[in-house]
Amino acid sequence: MIDLVYVGHLRQDLDMDSEQEQLPWRGGLTDVASLIELLCSERGDQWSTTLRQENLLVSVNQAMVKPDHPLADGDEVVFFPPIAGG
């Protein structure tokens, strides 16, 4: 299983009833990018719009990572909205 957590306005954008959801582990999930593609293809347009945002932030097991970061069964993946700076 992979624990998925959506933070900030991503929770509202994805219409999640809870902050955390578990996704059964699949062998094709090699990295964060493949997870995003899986979620977008299985869950539709709103997911594509939300998870394909430029500058979307992702952590795996509490470490900020890039889309090519590998995934393993049991990982916690947290999606953060882009942060505006000034």
Protein backbone atom coordinates (compact mmCIF):
# COMPACT_ATOMS: atom_id res chain seq x y z
CA MET A 1 0.00 0.00 0.00
CA ILE A 2 0.99 3.57 -0.58
CA ASP A 3 -0.36 6.23 1.77
CA LEU A 4 -1.48 9.29 -0.16
CA VAL A 5 -1.89 12.62 1.60
CA TYR A 6 -3.19 15.83 0.01
CA VAL A 7 -2.37 19.11 1.75
CA GLY A 8 -3.89 22.56 1.54
CA HIS A 9 -6.25 23.41 -1.27
CA LEU A 10 -5.44 20.11 -3.00
CA ARG A 11 -7.87 18.43 -0.58
CA GLN A 12 -10.68 20.67 -1.76
CA ASP A 13 -9.63 20.54 -5.41
CA LEU A 14 -9.73 16.75 -5.36
CA ASP A 15 -12.96 16.61 -3.34
CA MET A 16 -11.45 14.26 -0.79
CA ASP A 17 -13.52 13.39 2.28
CA SER A 18 -10.41 12.57 4.25
CA GLU A 19 -6.86 13.74 4.23
CA GLN A 20 -5.37 10.33 3.64
CA GLU A 21 -6.17 7.49 1.27
CA GLN A 22 -4.34 4.23 0.65
CA LEU A 23 -3.60 2.95 -2.83
CA PRO A 24 -2.84 -0.74 -3.34
CA TRP A 25 0.75 -1.29 -4.43
CA ARG A 26 1.17 -1.98 -8.15
CA GLY A 27 4.33 -3.15 -9.82
CA GLY A 28 4.11 -0.45 -12.50
CA LEU A 29 4.57 2.29 -9.94
CA THR A 30 8.25 2.93 -10.41
CA ASP A 31 8.46 6.58 -9.39
CA VAL A 32 6.44 9.65 -8.39
CA ALA A 33 5.78 10.57 -12.03
CA SER A 34 4.22 7.15 -12.71
CA LEU A 35 2.03 7.54 -9.61
CA ILE A 36 0.79 10.91 -10.83
CA GLU A 37 0.06 9.48 -14.28
CA LEU A 38 -1.83 6.54 -12.76
CA LEU A 39 -3.97 8.80 -10.57
CA CYS A 40 -4.70 11.17 -13.45
CA SER A 41 -5.62 8.43 -15.91
CA GLU A 42 -7.84 6.52 -13.46
CA ARG A 43 -9.56 9.44 -11.76
CA GLY A 44 -10.22 11.98 -14.49
CA ASP A 45 -9.88 15.60 -15.48
CA GLN A 46 -9.93 17.25 -12.05
CA TRP A 47 -7.08 15.02 -10.91
CA SER A 48 -5.12 15.80 -14.08
CA THR A 49 -5.58 19.53 -13.59
CA THR A 50 -4.64 19.37 -9.92
CA LEU A 51 -1.69 16.95 -9.98
CA ARG A 52 -0.13 18.26 -13.18
CA GLN A 53 0.27 21.77 -11.82
CA GLU A 54 3.59 23.40 -12.47
CA ASN A 55 5.67 23.47 -9.28
CA LEU A 56 3.56 20.85 -7.47
CA LEU A 57 5.54 19.75 -4.42
CA VAL A 58 5.85 16.11 -3.39
CA SER A 59 7.44 14.37 -0.44
CA VAL A 60 8.08 10.67 -0.02
CA ASN A 61 8.55 9.47 3.54
CA GLN A 62 8.94 13.07 4.74
CA ALA A 63 11.66 14.05 2.25
CA MET A 64 10.96 16.47 -0.60
CA VAL A 65 11.55 14.72 -3.93
CA LYS A 66 11.48 15.18 -7.70
CA PRO A 67 9.16 13.29 -10.07
CA ASP A 68 11.83 10.69 -10.89
CA HIS A 69 12.14 9.62 -7.23
CA PRO A 70 11.56 5.84 -6.91
CA LEU A 71 8.59 4.45 -4.99
CA ALA A 72 8.30 1.30 -2.89
CA ASP A 73 5.46 -0.54 -1.22
CA GLY A 74 4.69 1.14 2.12
CA ASP A 75 5.79 4.65 1.12
CA GLU A 76 3.93 7.74 2.26
CA VAL A 77 3.49 10.25 -0.57
CA VAL A 78 2.35 13.78 0.28
CA PHE A 79 1.25 16.26 -2.39
CA PHE A 80 1.58 19.97 -1.58
CA PRO A 81 0.22 22.85 -3.63
CA PRO A 82 2.73 25.18 -5.27
CA ILE A 83 3.94 27.81 -2.86
CA ALA A 84 3.70 31.45 -3.87
CA GLY A 85 6.77 33.45 -3.04
CA GLY A 86 7.60 37.04 -2.80
